[in-house]
Amino acid sequence: MSHGRIIILLTRKLSGEASPEELDELFTYLQAHPEEQYLFELVQEYWTKPKDLSNHTEDDLLDQHFDSIIEQATDEQENPPIPSSTPVVSIRTIIKKLSIAAAVILVISMSWIFYSNFHSAKTTENNEIVAKPGAKSKMILPDGTTVWLNSGSRLLYSGNFKDSIRSVELDGEAFFDVVKDAKHPFIVHTSGIDIRVLGTAFNVKSYATDATIEATLIRGLIEVVKKNQPESPKVILRPHEKLIFNKDQQAITTSGYYTNGADIKSSRVNVFPKEISIIPVPKNKPDTALVETAWIYNKLVVDGETFGEFSKKMERWYNVHIVFQDTKTSEYRFHSVFENESIEEALKALQLIASFNYKIKDNEIKISDK
């Protein structure tokens, strides 16, 4: 979708002129591009509290920029383009052809575009990025850090992110490729642990409904500490290691999914508190084949997990609800990779490995032994 079309949809939404079809078009676009939601939020702020641009020192450049954007926006409404030989019409003349409400928002939106190219806008408000079940999102944080957000996940960061400690809150799963900045540490807050880095690549899985929180390091170093307990022992994670934090402090997670070359006995379990364990991640596997990172490449990997464990990933991946009608079926273990398969195609592929029945009704899947 072109930028002009986005502006038109935003203006019609905020001015109350949008049709149900236009609202649906805008909603669908923002859901597929959550990183663009800040534009809508900024325009909405200007709508309720207009800014005075009368003292701007670059009026001529600003006016030219407005003319260019409005020409693009009007093209979206199938108006004839202005021939190159025709003088550019004044912005005030064009605005007269638009509704007053929409025109005000257009001017404000385009002023934001101008300022984003020539100035650094700052805000202290929190920014929230959400990837709904069945969808994934990729974004660039203000410091240049790249984040991939898995389905059913939420990431929260403040507007002054670049100016202090780079802090984010995660509920769900995300892969971070962090830009190194020694003066501004990068911290990921989850429900049970805090992860501190300077520049590295790692995956964090921290869904509220899961019994564990996982942090897998691809490169660099990360420091992990129990949430709100800075005095507790710090865990330094090395490349190709996965830390598992068990939310139930009476238990310890020592199991691993890997069976091909990963020696679980060599893990440093006994060094750390009982709710934390570390297992190695195979070095001979590419990121595209690892359980922890394959999702970034649109691959759903099961590598020795039980059907019950894997079903949680399938639920988020396909936006379904899976119910096991017997314990035996949920304990089946699989090794497989899914990429473009539908949920039914994936289940049929798993039936080639183990014997079970399934019934699909709406978004609920019931699985039972034959």
Protein backbone atom coordinates (compact mmCIF):
# COMPACT_ATOMS: atom_id res chain seq x y z
CA MET A 1 0.00 0.00 0.00
CA SER A 2 1.40 3.42 -0.97
CA HIS A 3 2.02 6.09 1.63
CA GLY A 4 -0.57 8.34 0.01
CA ARG A 5 -3.24 5.68 0.43
CA ILE A 6 -2.31 5.22 4.09
CA ILE A 7 -2.70 8.97 4.72
CA ILE A 8 -6.10 9.03 3.01
CA LEU A 9 -7.34 6.12 5.13
CA LEU A 10 -6.04 7.76 8.31
CA THR A 11 -7.65 11.09 7.49
CA ARG A 12 -11.01 9.54 6.73
CA LYS A 13 -10.87 7.44 9.90
CA LEU A 14 -10.07 10.36 12.21
CA SER A 15 -12.52 12.72 10.51
CA GLY A 16 -15.35 10.19 10.78
CA GLU A 17 -15.77 9.92 7.01
CA ALA A 18 -14.38 6.38 6.49
CA SER A 19 -16.65 3.68 5.12
CA PRO A 20 -16.70 0.22 6.75
CA GLU A 21 -14.64 -1.08 3.82
CA GLU A 22 -12.00 1.62 4.33
CA LEU A 23 -11.86 0.96 8.06
CA ASP A 24 -11.34 -2.73 7.38
CA GLU A 25 -8.61 -1.92 4.84
CA LEU A 26 -6.80 0.29 7.36
CA PHE A 27 -7.17 -2.24 10.19
CA THR A 28 -5.86 -5.08 8.00
CA TYR A 29 -2.86 -3.01 6.94
CA LEU A 30 -1.94 -1.98 10.50
CA GLN A 31 -2.24 -5.56 11.70
CA ALA A 32 0.13 -6.71 8.97
CA HIS A 33 2.49 -3.75 9.60
CA PRO A 34 2.36 -3.04 13.36
CA GLU A 35 5.48 -0.91 13.09
CA GLU A 36 3.34 1.65 11.22
CA GLN A 37 0.92 2.14 14.11
CA TYR A 38 3.06 4.94 15.48
CA LEU A 39 2.04 7.06 12.46
CA PHE A 40 -1.62 6.75 13.37
CA GLU A 41 -0.86 7.54 17.02
CA LEU A 42 1.12 10.64 16.07
CA VAL A 43 -1.56 11.93 13.72
CA GLN A 44 -4.18 11.32 16.39
CA GLU A 45 -2.11 13.35 18.86
CA TYR A 46 -1.87 16.22 16.40
CA TRP A 47 -5.61 15.98 15.74
CA THR A 48 -6.41 16.57 19.41
CA LYS A 49 -3.60 19.08 19.97
CA PRO A 50 -2.57 20.83 16.73
CA LYS A 51 0.99 22.09 16.39
CA ASP A 52 1.86 25.62 15.29
CA LEU A 53 4.05 25.42 12.20
CA SER A 54 3.82 29.11 11.35
CA ASN A 55 7.33 29.89 12.54
CA HIS A 56 9.03 27.18 10.53
CA THR A 57 12.11 28.54 8.75
CA GLU A 58 11.88 26.23 5.78
CA ASP A 59 8.37 27.12 4.58
CA ASP A 60 9.18 26.86 0.91
CA LEU A 61 10.61 23.37 1.20
CA LEU A 62 7.73 22.31 3.40
CA ASP A 63 5.15 23.66 0.94
CA GLN A 64 6.82 21.82 -1.93
CA HIS A 65 6.82 18.64 0.09
CA PHE A 66 3.12 19.04 0.88
CA ASP A 67 2.31 19.57 -2.81
CA SER A 68 4.20 16.42 -3.75
CA ILE A 69 2.42 14.27 -1.17
CA ILE A 70 -1.02 15.62 -1.98
CA GLU A 71 -0.46 14.87 -5.66
CA GLN A 72 0.38 11.30 -4.69
CA ALA A 73 -2.64 11.05 -2.40
CA THR A 74 -5.07 12.39 -5.01
CA ASP A 75 -3.67 9.88 -7.51
CA GLU A 76 -4.88 7.18 -5.10
CA GLN A 77 -8.40 8.45 -5.75
CA GLU A 78 -7.85 8.01 -9.49
CA ASN A 79 -7.53 11.72 -10.29
CA PRO A 80 -5.49 12.51 -13.40
CA PRO A 81 -1.80 13.15 -12.65
CA ILE A 82 -0.48 16.68 -13.08
CA PRO A 83 1.59 16.90 -16.30
CA SER A 84 5.23 17.79 -15.75
CA SER A 85 4.80 20.90 -17.93
CA THR A 86 1.97 22.21 -15.74
CA PRO A 87 2.98 24.47 -12.84
CA VAL A 88 2.47 22.84 -9.44
CA VAL A 89 -0.83 24.02 -7.99
CA SER A 90 -0.64 25.78 -4.64
CA ILE A 91 -1.32 23.58 -1.64
CA ARG A 92 -4.05 25.96 -0.50
CA THR A 93 -5.92 25.46 -3.81
CA ILE A 94 -5.76 21.69 -3.51
CA ILE A 95 -6.86 21.70 0.11
CA LYS A 96 -10.02 23.57 -0.85
CA LYS A 97 -11.08 20.48 -2.80
CA LEU A 98 -10.89 18.31 0.29
CA SER A 99 -13.09 18.20 3.34
CA ILE A 100 -11.85 20.51 6.10
CA ALA A 101 -11.37 17.69 8.58
CA ALA A 102 -9.45 15.51 6.15
CA ALA A 103 -7.34 18.47 5.00
CA VAL A 104 -6.24 19.30 8.52
CA ILE A 105 -5.11 15.73 9.09
CA LEU A 106 -3.36 15.63 5.72
CA VAL A 107 -1.35 18.72 6.57
CA ILE A 108 -0.47 17.33 9.97
CA SER A 109 0.47 13.93 8.54
CA MET A 110 2.69 15.49 5.90
CA SER A 111 4.32 17.76 8.43
CA TRP A 112 5.24 14.64 10.36
CA ILE A 113 6.77 13.14 7.21
CA PHE A 114 8.81 16.29 6.75
CA TYR A 115 10.01 16.36 10.34
CA SER A 116 10.88 12.66 10.30
CA ASN A 117 13.32 13.35 7.47
CA PHE A 118 14.94 16.46 8.95
CA HIS A 119 14.43 16.25 12.71
CA SER A 120 14.48 13.68 15.52
CA ALA A 121 11.06 13.48 17.14
CA LYS A 122 10.99 12.44 20.80
CA THR A 123 8.22 11.18 23.04
CA THR A 124 7.98 9.61 26.46
CA GLU A 125 4.89 7.58 25.69
CA ASN A 126 5.13 3.80 25.52
CA ASN A 127 5.00 2.02 22.17
CA GLU A 128 3.33 -1.37 21.90
CA ILE A 129 3.84 -3.81 19.04
CA VAL A 130 1.55 -6.84 18.87
CA ALA A 131 1.73 -9.92 16.65
CA LYS A 132 -1.62 -11.68 16.79
CA PRO A 133 -1.92 -15.51 16.77
CA GLY A 134 -1.22 -16.79 13.29
CA ALA A 135 0.88 -13.74 12.35
CA LYS A 136 4.48 -12.58 12.77
CA SER A 137 6.10 -9.16 12.64
CA LYS A 138 9.51 -7.64 11.98
CA MET A 139 10.46 -4.15 13.16
CA ILE A 140 13.41 -1.82 13.62
CA LEU A 141 13.64 -0.17 17.05
CA PRO A 142 14.76 3.48 17.29
CA ASP A 143 18.38 2.44 18.02
CA GLY A 144 18.55 0.28 14.88
CA THR A 145 18.02 -3.04 16.68
CA THR A 146 16.06 -5.53 14.59
CA VAL A 147 13.30 -7.50 16.29
CA TRP A 148 11.25 -10.39 14.93
CA LEU A 149 8.05 -10.93 16.92
CA ASN A 150 6.43 -14.36 16.84
CA SER A 151 2.68 -14.95 16.80
CA GLY A 152 0.74 -14.23 19.95
CA SER A 153 3.46 -11.88 21.25
CA ARG A 154 3.64 -8.32 22.55
CA LEU A 155 6.62 -5.96 22.82
CA LEU A 156 6.57 -2.71 24.80
CA TYR A 157 9.21 0.04 24.76
CA SER A 158 9.30 3.69 25.80
CA GLY A 159 9.47 6.72 23.55
CA ASN A 160 12.84 7.82 24.99
CA PHE A 161 14.29 4.42 24.13
CA LYS A 162 17.43 5.81 22.43
CA ASP A 163 18.27 8.30 25.17
CA SER A 164 18.66 6.05 28.21
CA ILE A 165 18.88 2.37 29.01
CA ARG A 166 17.38 0.55 26.06
CA SER A 167 14.64 -1.36 27.84
CA VAL A 168 11.85 -3.50 26.39
CA GLU A 169 9.16 -5.69 27.94
CA LEU A 170 8.28 -8.96 26.23
CA ASP A 171 5.26 -11.21 26.56
CA GLY A 172 5.67 -13.96 23.98
CA GLU A 173 8.58 -14.82 21.72
CA ALA A 174 11.03 -12.55 19.95
CA PHE A 175 14.41 -12.73 18.24
CA PHE A 176 16.67 -9.73 18.83
CA ASP A 177 19.64 -8.62 16.72
CA VAL A 178 20.91 -5.85 19.00
CA VAL A 179 22.98 -2.90 17.83
CA LYS A 180 26.04 -2.53 20.06
CA ASP A 181 26.07 0.57 22.26
CA ALA A 182 28.24 0.34 25.37
CA LYS A 183 26.78 3.56 26.81
CA HIS A 184 23.19 2.30 26.56
CA PRO A 185 22.75 -1.34 27.68
CA PHE A 186 19.88 -3.28 26.13
CA ILE A 187 17.60 -5.05 28.62
CA VAL A 188 14.73 -7.44 27.93
CA HIS A 189 12.26 -7.74 30.80
CA THR A 190 10.11 -10.88 31.01
CA SER A 191 7.78 -12.17 33.72
CA GLY A 192 10.55 -14.14 35.42
CA ILE A 193 13.98 -13.00 34.25
CA ASP A 194 15.76 -9.92 32.95
CA ILE A 195 18.28 -10.23 30.12
CA ARG A 196 21.04 -7.63 29.74
CA VAL A 197 23.13 -7.30 26.57
CA LEU A 198 25.40 -4.84 24.76
CA GLY A 199 25.37 -6.19 21.21
CA THR A 200 24.31 -9.67 20.30
CA ALA A 201 21.71 -11.94 18.66
CA PHE A 202 19.43 -14.10 20.77
CA ASN A 203 15.94 -15.56 21.03
CA VAL A 204 13.61 -15.18 24.01
CA LYS A 205 10.43 -17.20 24.55
CA SER A 206 8.31 -16.00 27.46
CA TYR A 207 4.61 -16.72 26.97
CA ALA A 208 2.47 -16.13 30.05
CA THR A 209 0.79 -19.54 29.63
CA ASP A 210 4.07 -21.49 29.37
CA ALA A 211 5.68 -23.11 32.40
CA THR A 212 9.14 -21.97 31.36
CA ILE A 213 11.00 -18.99 29.94
CA GLU A 214 13.77 -19.68 27.42
CA ALA A 215 16.69 -17.58 26.22
CA THR A 216 18.85 -18.93 23.41
CA LEU A 217 22.10 -17.18 22.49
CA ILE A 218 23.29 -17.23 18.88
CA ARG A 219 26.27 -14.88 19.17
CA GLY A 220 27.77 -12.47 21.70
CA LEU A 221 27.13 -12.69 25.45
CA ILE A 222 24.06 -12.08 27.57
CA GLU A 223 23.61 -11.76 31.31
CA VAL A 224 20.50 -13.19 32.94
CA VAL A 225 19.21 -12.37 36.41
CA LYS A 226 16.00 -13.27 38.21
CA LYS A 227 13.42 -10.51 37.90
CA ASN A 228 13.40 -7.92 40.71
CA GLN A 229 16.25 -9.76 42.43
CA PRO A 230 19.46 -7.94 41.39
CA GLU A 231 21.31 -9.55 44.31
CA SER A 232 20.67 -13.06 42.98
CA PRO A 233 23.43 -14.90 41.08
CA LYS A 234 23.91 -13.68 37.52
CA VAL A 235 24.08 -16.20 34.70
CA ILE A 236 26.35 -15.51 31.74
CA LEU A 237 25.11 -17.30 28.65
CA ARG A 238 27.59 -18.30 25.96
CA PRO A 239 26.94 -18.74 22.23
CA HIS A 240 24.97 -21.88 21.35
CA GLU A 241 23.52 -22.25 24.82
CA LYS A 242 19.91 -22.14 25.92
CA LEU A 243 18.84 -21.04 29.38
CA ILE A 244 15.58 -22.45 30.72
CA PHE A 245 13.91 -20.74 33.66
CA ASN A 246 11.21 -22.78 35.36
CA LYS A 247 8.47 -20.58 36.79
CA ASP A 248 7.71 -23.23 39.38
CA GLN A 249 10.62 -22.79 41.81
CA GLN A 250 10.06 -26.25 43.24
CA ALA A 251 11.10 -27.85 39.98
CA ILE A 252 14.07 -27.73 37.65
CA THR A 253 14.07 -28.18 33.91
CA THR A 254 16.83 -30.52 32.79
CA SER A 255 15.27 -32.00 29.68
CA GLY A 256 16.36 -30.99 26.21
CA TYR A 257 14.92 -31.50 22.77
CA TYR A 258 18.19 -32.32 21.08
CA THR A 259 19.36 -35.89 20.61
CA ASN A 260 21.89 -35.54 17.78
CA GLY A 261 25.17 -34.52 19.34
CA ALA A 262 23.92 -32.39 22.25
CA ASP A 263 25.21 -33.83 25.51
CA ILE A 264 22.73 -32.80 28.18
CA LYS A 265 25.07 -34.14 30.87
CA SER A 266 27.58 -31.43 29.99
CA SER A 267 25.09 -28.67 30.79
CA ARG A 268 25.96 -26.35 33.66
CA VAL A 269 22.79 -27.11 35.62
CA ASN A 270 24.31 -27.42 39.08
CA VAL A 271 26.06 -24.04 38.92
CA PHE A 272 22.88 -22.00 39.07
CA PRO A 273 19.71 -21.70 41.17
CA LYS A 274 17.38 -24.68 41.02
CA GLU A 275 14.88 -22.92 38.75
CA ILE A 276 17.53 -22.29 36.06
CA SER A 277 19.21 -24.81 33.79
CA ILE A 278 21.34 -24.52 30.67
CA ILE A 279 21.52 -26.92 27.76
CA PRO A 280 23.72 -26.76 24.66
CA VAL A 281 22.33 -25.90 21.24
CA PRO A 282 23.86 -27.80 18.29
CA LYS A 283 26.59 -25.79 16.55
CA ASN A 284 26.36 -27.81 13.35
CA LYS A 285 22.79 -26.73 12.61
CA PRO A 286 21.94 -23.53 10.73
CA ASP A 287 19.54 -21.03 12.28
CA THR A 288 16.90 -22.14 9.77
CA ALA A 289 16.86 -25.64 11.29
CA LEU A 290 17.00 -24.81 15.00
CA VAL A 291 13.80 -25.15 17.01
CA GLU A 292 14.46 -21.77 18.62
CA THR A 293 15.12 -19.69 15.49
CA ALA A 294 13.55 -21.48 12.50
CA TRP A 295 10.31 -19.53 13.02
CA ILE A 296 12.08 -16.37 11.85
CA TYR A 297 12.43 -18.05 8.45
CA ASN A 298 8.76 -19.08 8.46
CA LYS A 299 9.54 -22.66 9.46
CA LEU A 300 7.85 -24.56 12.27
CA VAL A 301 10.28 -27.17 13.61
CA VAL A 302 9.61 -30.04 16.02
CA ASP A 303 12.79 -31.87 17.10
CA GLY A 304 11.95 -34.49 19.69
CA GLU A 305 9.26 -32.56 21.55
CA THR A 306 6.13 -34.33 22.70
CA PHE A 307 2.93 -33.77 20.78
CA GLY A 308 1.58 -31.91 23.80
CA GLU A 309 4.56 -29.53 23.86
CA PHE A 310 4.53 -29.03 20.10
CA SER A 311 0.77 -28.42 20.05
CA LYS A 312 1.31 -25.10 21.91
CA LYS A 313 3.44 -23.89 19.00
CA MET A 314 0.89 -25.15 16.49
CA GLU A 315 -1.87 -23.26 18.29
CA ARG A 316 0.01 -19.97 17.97
CA TRP A 317 1.26 -20.71 14.45
CA TYR A 318 -2.14 -21.57 13.01
CA ASN A 319 -4.37 -19.66 15.47
CA VAL A 320 -6.24 -22.79 16.58
CA HIS A 321 -7.05 -24.54 19.86
CA ILE A 322 -5.90 -28.16 20.26
CA VAL A 323 -7.47 -30.57 22.75
CA PHE A 324 -6.03 -34.01 23.52
CA GLN A 325 -8.65 -36.55 24.52
CA ASP A 326 -6.12 -39.00 25.94
CA THR A 327 -2.67 -38.81 27.53
CA LYS A 328 -1.04 -41.38 25.26
CA THR A 329 -1.40 -39.26 22.13
CA SER A 330 -0.04 -36.13 23.78
CA GLU A 331 3.17 -38.02 24.65
CA TYR A 332 4.06 -38.96 21.07
CA ARG A 333 7.38 -37.42 20.00
CA PHE A 334 8.06 -36.05 16.53
CA HIS A 335 10.88 -34.81 14.30
CA SER A 336 9.59 -32.73 11.41
CA VAL A 337 9.64 -29.33 9.69
CA PHE A 338 6.64 -27.40 8.38
CA GLU A 339 6.79 -24.32 6.19
CA ASN A 340 3.82 -23.66 3.92
CA GLU A 341 1.53 -26.45 5.09
CA SER A 342 -1.96 -25.76 6.38
CA ILE A 343 -2.92 -27.10 9.80
CA GLU A 344 -4.66 -30.08 8.22
CA GLU A 345 -1.68 -30.83 5.97
CA ALA A 346 0.59 -30.70 9.02
CA LEU A 347 -1.62 -33.09 10.98
CA LYS A 348 -1.77 -35.52 8.06
CA ALA A 349 2.04 -35.46 7.86
CA LEU A 350 2.28 -36.25 11.58
CA GLN A 351 -0.16 -39.15 11.08
CA LEU A 352 2.49 -40.77 8.85
CA ILE A 353 4.74 -40.92 11.92
CA ALA A 354 2.26 -41.81 14.66
CA SER A 355 -1.24 -43.25 14.73
CA PHE A 356 -3.92 -40.81 15.89
CA ASN A 357 -7.25 -39.31 14.83
CA TYR A 358 -8.22 -35.67 14.65
CA LYS A 359 -11.42 -33.70 14.15
CA ILE A 360 -11.53 -30.04 13.16
CA LYS A 361 -14.50 -27.83 13.97
CA ASP A 362 -14.07 -24.12 13.42
CA ASN A 363 -10.73 -23.34 15.08
CA GLU A 364 -10.81 -26.23 17.59
CA ILE A 365 -9.00 -29.50 16.92
CA LYS A 366 -9.69 -32.63 18.95
CA ILE A 367 -6.95 -35.30 18.86
CA SER A 368 -7.38 -38.86 20.08
CA ASP A 369 -5.80 -42.29 19.83
CA LYS A 370 -7.12 -44.66 17.18
